[in-house]
Amino acid sequence: MVEQQIAGGPVMLTPQQVAKRWQVSADYVRRLFAKEPGVLVIGNGDRVHIRIPPDVLERVERRQQVA
């Protein structure tokens, strides 16, 4: 389980953190999570940052294990 708490809410993960955990590139993580429901998208246009909630990460990990 990934969940940690800061100020009452779950810690959002960066693509770099997920990439390190999975041993893949951050670009791969960004593409995989780009349209995933529940991902926080910050910015618009060319400068977009995403943050991945722990529950979304766990959902995608379960889905990837089945595939």
PDB file of N, CA and C in Angstrom:
ATOM      1  N   MET A   1       0.841  -1.178   0.000  1.00  0.00           N
ATOM      2  CA  MET A   1       0.000   0.000   0.000  1.00  0.00           C
ATOM      3  C   MET A   1       0.885   1.239   0.000  1.00  0.00           C
ATOM      4  N   VAL A   2       0.508   2.230  -0.790  1.00  0.00           N
ATOM      5  CA  VAL A   2       1.293   3.435  -0.996  1.00  0.00           C
ATOM      6  C   VAL A   2       0.901   4.553  -0.056  1.00  0.00           C
ATOM      7  N   GLU A   3      -0.298   4.496   0.474  1.00  0.00           N
ATOM      8  CA  GLU A   3      -0.910   5.646   1.123  1.00  0.00           C
ATOM      9  C   GLU A   3      -0.127   6.172   2.316  1.00  0.00           C
ATOM     10  N   GLN A   4       0.092   7.492   2.287  1.00  0.00           N
ATOM     11  CA  GLN A   4       0.679   8.233   3.390  1.00  0.00           C
ATOM     12  C   GLN A   4      -0.215   9.442   3.607  1.00  0.00           C
ATOM     13  N   GLN A   5      -0.110  10.070   4.742  1.00  0.00           N
ATOM     14  CA  GLN A   5      -0.965  11.217   5.033  1.00  0.00           C
ATOM     15  C   GLN A   5      -0.121  12.452   5.335  1.00  0.00           C
ATOM     16  N   ILE A   6      -0.531  13.572   4.772  1.00  0.00           N
ATOM     17  CA  ILE A   6       0.022  14.878   5.113  1.00  0.00           C
ATOM     18  C   ILE A   6      -1.163  15.821   5.228  1.00  0.00           C
ATOM     19  N   ALA A   7      -1.293  16.484   6.356  1.00  0.00           N
ATOM     20  CA  ALA A   7      -2.379  17.442   6.596  1.00  0.00           C
ATOM     21  C   ALA A   7      -3.750  16.854   6.265  1.00  0.00           C
ATOM     22  N   GLY A   8      -3.951  15.594   6.621  1.00  0.00           N
ATOM     23  CA  GLY A   8      -5.255  14.987   6.467  1.00  0.00           C
ATOM     24  C   GLY A   8      -5.583  14.404   5.112  1.00  0.00           C
ATOM     25  N   GLY A   9      -4.708  14.548   4.124  1.00  0.00           N
ATOM     26  CA  GLY A   9      -4.995  14.014   2.792  1.00  0.00           C
ATOM     27  C   GLY A   9      -3.891  13.096   2.317  1.00  0.00           C
ATOM     28  N   PRO A  10      -4.180  12.277   1.305  1.00  0.00           N
ATOM     29  CA  PRO A  10      -3.148  11.386   0.785  1.00  0.00           C
ATOM     30  C   PRO A  10      -2.067  12.158   0.050  1.00  0.00           C
ATOM     31  N   VAL A  11      -0.869  11.657   0.095  1.00  0.00           N
ATOM     32  CA  VAL A  11       0.246  12.250  -0.628  1.00  0.00           C
ATOM     33  C   VAL A  11       0.085  11.915  -2.104  1.00  0.00           C
ATOM     34  N   MET A  12       0.182  12.914  -2.949  1.00  0.00           N
ATOM     35  CA  MET A  12       0.134  12.693  -4.389  1.00  0.00           C
ATOM     36  C   MET A  12       1.541  12.320  -4.866  1.00  0.00           C
ATOM     37  N   LEU A  13       1.615  11.401  -5.786  1.00  0.00           N
ATOM     38  CA  LEU A  13       2.898  10.947  -6.307  1.00  0.00           C
ATOM     39  C   LEU A  13       3.192  11.603  -7.648  1.00  0.00           C
ATOM     40  N   THR A  14       4.460  11.869  -7.896  1.00  0.00           N
ATOM     41  CA  THR A  14       4.877  12.417  -9.186  1.00  0.00           C
ATOM     42  C   THR A  14       5.148  11.276 -10.155  1.00  0.00           C
ATOM     43  N   PRO A  15       5.152  11.559 -11.449  1.00  0.00           N
ATOM     44  CA  PRO A  15       5.522  10.525 -12.410  1.00  0.00           C
ATOM     45  C   PRO A  15       6.927   9.963 -12.138  1.00  0.00           C
ATOM     46  N   GLN A  16       7.835  10.794 -11.665  1.00  0.00           N
ATOM     47  CA  GLN A  16       9.193  10.347 -11.361  1.00  0.00           C
ATOM     48  C   GLN A  16       9.200   9.324 -10.228  1.00  0.00           C
ATOM     49  N   GLN A  17       8.370   9.553  -9.214  1.00  0.00           N
ATOM     50  CA  GLN A  17       8.298   8.615  -8.090  1.00  0.00           C
ATOM     51  C   GLN A  17       7.733   7.267  -8.532  1.00  0.00           C
ATOM     52  N   VAL A  18       6.697   7.302  -9.351  1.00  0.00           N
ATOM     53  CA  VAL A  18       6.104   6.055  -9.845  1.00  0.00           C
ATOM     54  C   VAL A  18       7.098   5.346 -10.772  1.00  0.00           C
ATOM     55  N   ALA A  19       7.785   6.104 -11.611  1.00  0.00           N
ATOM     56  CA  ALA A  19       8.770   5.527 -12.528  1.00  0.00           C
ATOM     57  C   ALA A  19       9.884   4.814 -11.761  1.00  0.00           C
ATOM     58  N   LYS A  20      10.337   5.403 -10.683  1.00  0.00           N
ATOM     59  CA  LYS A  20      11.377   4.768  -9.871  1.00  0.00           C
ATOM     60  C   LYS A  20      10.856   3.474  -9.248  1.00  0.00           C
ATOM     61  N   ARG A  21       9.637   3.511  -8.761  1.00  0.00           N
ATOM     62  CA  ARG A  21       9.014   2.331  -8.146  1.00  0.00           C
ATOM     63  C   ARG A  21       8.883   1.186  -9.156  1.00  0.00           C
ATOM     64  N   TRP A  22       8.493   1.517 -10.399  1.00  0.00           N
ATOM     65  CA  TRP A  22       8.264   0.515 -11.435  1.00  0.00           C
ATOM     66  C   TRP A  22       9.500   0.225 -12.278  1.00  0.00           C
ATOM     67  N   GLN A  23      10.545   1.034 -12.116  1.00  0.00           N
ATOM     68  CA  GLN A  23      11.763   0.920 -12.918  1.00  0.00           C
ATOM     69  C   GLN A  23      11.478   1.108 -14.407  1.00  0.00           C
ATOM     70  N   VAL A  24      10.752   2.181 -14.703  1.00  0.00           N
ATOM     71  CA  VAL A  24      10.441   2.584 -16.075  1.00  0.00           C
ATOM     72  C   VAL A  24      10.714   4.083 -16.184  1.00  0.00           C
ATOM     73  N   SER A  25      10.531   4.644 -17.373  1.00  0.00           N
ATOM     74  CA  SER A  25      10.764   6.079 -17.545  1.00  0.00           C
ATOM     75  C   SER A  25       9.567   6.894 -17.053  1.00  0.00           C
ATOM     76  N   ALA A  26       9.840   8.122 -16.653  1.00  0.00           N
ATOM     77  CA  ALA A  26       8.771   9.034 -16.230  1.00  0.00           C
ATOM     78  C   ALA A  26       7.852   9.357 -17.410  1.00  0.00           C
ATOM     79  N   ASP A  27       8.394   9.384 -18.625  1.00  0.00           N
ATOM     80  CA  ASP A  27       7.564   9.623 -19.808  1.00  0.00           C
ATOM     81  C   ASP A  27       6.530   8.516 -19.988  1.00  0.00           C
ATOM     82  N   TYR A  28       6.932   7.269 -19.751  1.00  0.00           N
ATOM     83  CA  TYR A  28       5.996   6.149 -19.841  1.00  0.00           C
ATOM     84  C   TYR A  28       4.860   6.327 -18.821  1.00  0.00           C
ATOM     85  N   VAL A  29       5.220   6.711 -17.609  1.00  0.00           N
ATOM     86  CA  VAL A  29       4.221   6.910 -16.553  1.00  0.00           C
ATOM     87  C   VAL A  29       3.270   8.037 -16.945  1.00  0.00           C
ATOM     88  N   ARG A  30       3.805   9.133 -17.467  1.00  0.00           N
ATOM     89  CA  ARG A  30       2.950  10.248 -17.892  1.00  0.00           C
ATOM     90  C   ARG A  30       1.947   9.806 -18.959  1.00  0.00           C
ATOM     91  N   ARG A  31       2.425   9.043 -19.945  1.00  0.00           N
ATOM     92  CA  ARG A  31       1.523   8.569 -21.007  1.00  0.00           C
ATOM     93  C   ARG A  31       0.456   7.627 -20.447  1.00  0.00           C
ATOM     94  N   LEU A  32       0.868   6.737 -19.552  1.00  0.00           N
ATOM     95  CA  LEU A  32      -0.058   5.760 -18.985  1.00  0.00           C
ATOM     96  C   LEU A  32      -1.157   6.431 -18.161  1.00  0.00           C
ATOM     97  N   PHE A  33      -0.797   7.472 -17.402  1.00  0.00           N
ATOM     98  CA  PHE A  33      -1.746   8.113 -16.490  1.00  0.00           C
ATOM     99  C   PHE A  33      -2.400   9.364 -17.070  1.00  0.00           C
ATOM    100  N   ALA A  34      -2.047   9.764 -18.273  1.00  0.00           N
ATOM    101  CA  ALA A  34      -2.509  11.039 -18.843  1.00  0.00           C
ATOM    102  C   ALA A  34      -4.028  11.186 -18.832  1.00  0.00           C
ATOM    103  N   LYS A  35      -4.748  10.145 -19.147  1.00  0.00           N
ATOM    104  CA  LYS A  35      -6.211  10.237 -19.216  1.00  0.00           C
ATOM    105  C   LYS A  35      -6.885   9.354 -18.168  1.00  0.00           C
ATOM    106  N   GLU A  36      -6.117   8.944 -17.168  1.00  0.00           N
ATOM    107  CA  GLU A  36      -6.654   8.080 -16.111  1.00  0.00           C
ATOM    108  C   GLU A  36      -7.557   8.896 -15.180  1.00  0.00           C
ATOM    109  N   PRO A  37      -8.794   8.449 -14.955  1.00  0.00           N
ATOM    110  CA  PRO A  37      -9.682   9.168 -14.032  1.00  0.00           C
ATOM    111  C   PRO A  37      -9.073   9.270 -12.633  1.00  0.00           C
ATOM    112  N   GLY A  38      -9.177  10.451 -12.040  1.00  0.00           N
ATOM    113  CA  GLY A  38      -8.694  10.671 -10.682  1.00  0.00           C
ATOM    114  C   GLY A  38      -7.312  11.280 -10.593  1.00  0.00           C
ATOM    115  N   VAL A  39      -6.601  11.381 -11.719  1.00  0.00           N
ATOM    116  CA  VAL A  39      -5.271  11.988 -11.727  1.00  0.00           C
ATOM    117  C   VAL A  39      -5.426  13.506 -11.740  1.00  0.00           C
ATOM    118  N   LEU A  40      -4.630  14.177 -10.928  1.00  0.00           N
ATOM    119  CA  LEU A  40      -4.659  15.637 -10.863  1.00  0.00           C
ATOM    120  C   LEU A  40      -3.771  16.192 -11.970  1.00  0.00           C
ATOM    121  N   VAL A  41      -4.341  17.034 -12.830  1.00  0.00           N
ATOM    122  CA  VAL A  41      -3.599  17.667 -13.919  1.00  0.00           C
ATOM    123  C   VAL A  41      -3.439  19.140 -13.567  1.00  0.00           C
ATOM    124  N   ILE A  42      -2.185  19.601 -13.569  1.00  0.00           N
ATOM    125  CA  ILE A  42      -1.863  20.983 -13.207  1.00  0.00           C
ATOM    126  C   ILE A  42      -1.267  21.664 -14.418  1.00  0.00           C
ATOM    127  N   GLY A  43      -1.839  22.793 -14.817  1.00  0.00           N
ATOM    128  CA  GLY A  43      -1.328  23.539 -15.961  1.00  0.00           C
ATOM    129  C   GLY A  43      -2.154  23.274 -17.199  1.00  0.00           C
ATOM    130  N   ASN A  44      -1.681  23.855 -18.312  1.00  0.00           N
ATOM    131  CA  ASN A  44      -2.340  23.645 -19.598  1.00  0.00           C
ATOM    132  C   ASN A  44      -1.320  23.853 -20.713  1.00  0.00           C
ATOM    133  N   GLY A  45      -1.677  23.465 -21.910  1.00  0.00           N
ATOM    134  CA  GLY A  45      -0.772  23.643 -23.033  1.00  0.00           C
ATOM    135  C   GLY A  45       0.450  22.749 -22.938  1.00  0.00           C
ATOM    136  N   ASP A  46       1.607  23.328 -23.187  1.00  0.00           N
ATOM    137  CA  ASP A  46       2.849  22.555 -23.214  1.00  0.00           C
ATOM    138  C   ASP A  46       3.378  22.211 -21.828  1.00  0.00           C
ATOM    139  N   ARG A  47       3.019  22.981 -20.816  1.00  0.00           N
ATOM    140  CA  ARG A  47       3.518  22.754 -19.459  1.00  0.00           C
ATOM    141  C   ARG A  47       2.435  22.141 -18.593  1.00  0.00           C
ATOM    142  N   VAL A  48       2.312  20.817 -18.644  1.00  0.00           N
ATOM    143  CA  VAL A  48       1.317  20.119 -17.840  1.00  0.00           C
ATOM    144  C   VAL A  48       2.037  19.188 -16.880  1.00  0.00           C
ATOM    145  N   HIS A  49       1.652  19.255 -15.623  1.00  0.00           N
ATOM    146  CA  HIS A  49       2.202  18.374 -14.599  1.00  0.00           C
ATOM    147  C   HIS A  49       1.061  17.511 -14.084  1.00  0.00           C
ATOM    148  N   ILE A  50       1.369  16.268 -13.765  1.00  0.00           N
ATOM    149  CA  ILE A  50       0.340  15.406 -13.186  1.00  0.00           C
ATOM    150  C   ILE A  50       0.795  14.935 -11.812  1.00  0.00           C
ATOM    151  N   ARG A  51      -0.188  14.676 -10.975  1.00  0.00           N
ATOM    152  CA  ARG A  51       0.040  14.083  -9.666  1.00  0.00           C
ATOM    153  C   ARG A  51      -0.909  12.903  -9.553  1.00  0.00           C
ATOM    154  N   ILE A  52      -0.395  11.816  -9.027  1.00  0.00           N
ATOM    155  CA  ILE A  52      -1.124  10.557  -9.016  1.00  0.00           C
ATOM    156  C   ILE A  52      -1.496  10.193  -7.583  1.00  0.00           C
ATOM    157  N   PRO A  53      -2.785  10.155  -7.277  1.00  0.00           N
ATOM    158  CA  PRO A  53      -3.214   9.738  -5.942  1.00  0.00           C
ATOM    159  C   PRO A  53      -2.896   8.250  -5.722  1.00  0.00           C
ATOM    160  N   PRO A  54      -2.610   7.864  -4.491  1.00  0.00           N
ATOM    161  CA  PRO A  54      -2.273   6.458  -4.199  1.00  0.00           C
ATOM    162  C   PRO A  54      -3.342   5.466  -4.642  1.00  0.00           C
ATOM    163  N   ASP A  55      -4.625   5.830  -4.506  1.00  0.00           N
ATOM    164  CA  ASP A  55      -5.669   4.882  -4.910  1.00  0.00           C
ATOM    165  C   ASP A  55      -5.691   4.670  -6.426  1.00  0.00           C
ATOM    166  N   VAL A  56      -5.376   5.709  -7.189  1.00  0.00           N
ATOM    167  CA  VAL A  56      -5.307   5.568  -8.648  1.00  0.00           C
ATOM    168  C   VAL A  56      -4.109   4.698  -9.020  1.00  0.00           C
ATOM    169  N   LEU A  57      -2.984   4.920  -8.365  1.00  0.00           N
ATOM    170  CA  LEU A  57      -1.801   4.095  -8.621  1.00  0.00           C
ATOM    171  C   LEU A  57      -2.108   2.630  -8.359  1.00  0.00           C
ATOM    172  N   GLU A  58      -2.749   2.340  -7.245  1.00  0.00           N
ATOM    173  CA  GLU A  58      -3.072   0.949  -6.908  1.00  0.00           C
ATOM    174  C   GLU A  58      -4.039   0.336  -7.916  1.00  0.00           C
ATOM    175  N   ARG A  59      -5.006   1.127  -8.371  1.00  0.00           N
ATOM    176  CA  ARG A  59      -5.952   0.635  -9.373  1.00  0.00           C
ATOM    177  C   ARG A  59      -5.237   0.271 -10.677  1.00  0.00           C
ATOM    178  N   VAL A  60      -4.338   1.129 -11.120  1.00  0.00           N
ATOM    179  CA  VAL A  60      -3.601   0.863 -12.357  1.00  0.00           C
ATOM    180  C   VAL A  60      -2.662  -0.325 -12.173  1.00  0.00           C
ATOM    181  N   GLU A  61      -2.026  -0.432 -11.008  1.00  0.00           N
ATOM    182  CA  GLU A  61      -1.153  -1.587 -10.752  1.00  0.00           C
ATOM    183  C   GLU A  61      -1.941  -2.893 -10.814  1.00  0.00           C
ATOM    184  N   ARG A  62      -3.132  -2.909 -10.235  1.00  0.00           N
ATOM    185  CA  ARG A  62      -3.964  -4.129 -10.296  1.00  0.00           C
ATOM    186  C   ARG A  62      -4.347  -4.447 -11.739  1.00  0.00           C
ATOM    187  N   ARG A  63      -4.709  -3.430 -12.481  1.00  0.00           N
ATOM    188  CA  ARG A  63      -5.092  -3.634 -13.878  1.00  0.00           C
ATOM    189  C   ARG A  63      -3.908  -4.141 -14.707  1.00  0.00           C
ATOM    190  N   GLN A  64      -2.716  -3.631 -14.438  1.00  0.00           N
ATOM    191  CA  GLN A  64      -1.519  -4.050 -15.170  1.00  0.00           C
ATOM    192  C   GLN A  64      -1.148  -5.487 -14.841  1.00  0.00           C
ATOM    193  N   GLN A  65      -1.403  -5.929 -13.613  1.00  0.00           N
ATOM    194  CA  GLN A  65      -1.094  -7.313 -13.224  1.00  0.00           C
ATOM    195  C   GLN A  65      -1.979  -8.305 -13.953  1.00  0.00           C
ATOM    196  N   VAL A  66      -3.213  -7.927 -14.223  1.00  0.00           N
ATOM    197  CA  VAL A  66      -4.161  -8.813 -14.893  1.00  0.00           C
ATOM    198  C   VAL A  66      -3.831  -8.915 -16.379  1.00  0.00           C
ATOM    199  N   ALA A  67      -3.354  -7.823 -16.955  1.00  0.00           N
ATOM    200  CA  ALA A  67      -3.087  -7.788 -18.400  1.00  0.00           C
ATOM    201  C   ALA A  67      -1.989  -8.738 -18.815  1.00  0.00           C
TER     202      ALA A  67
END
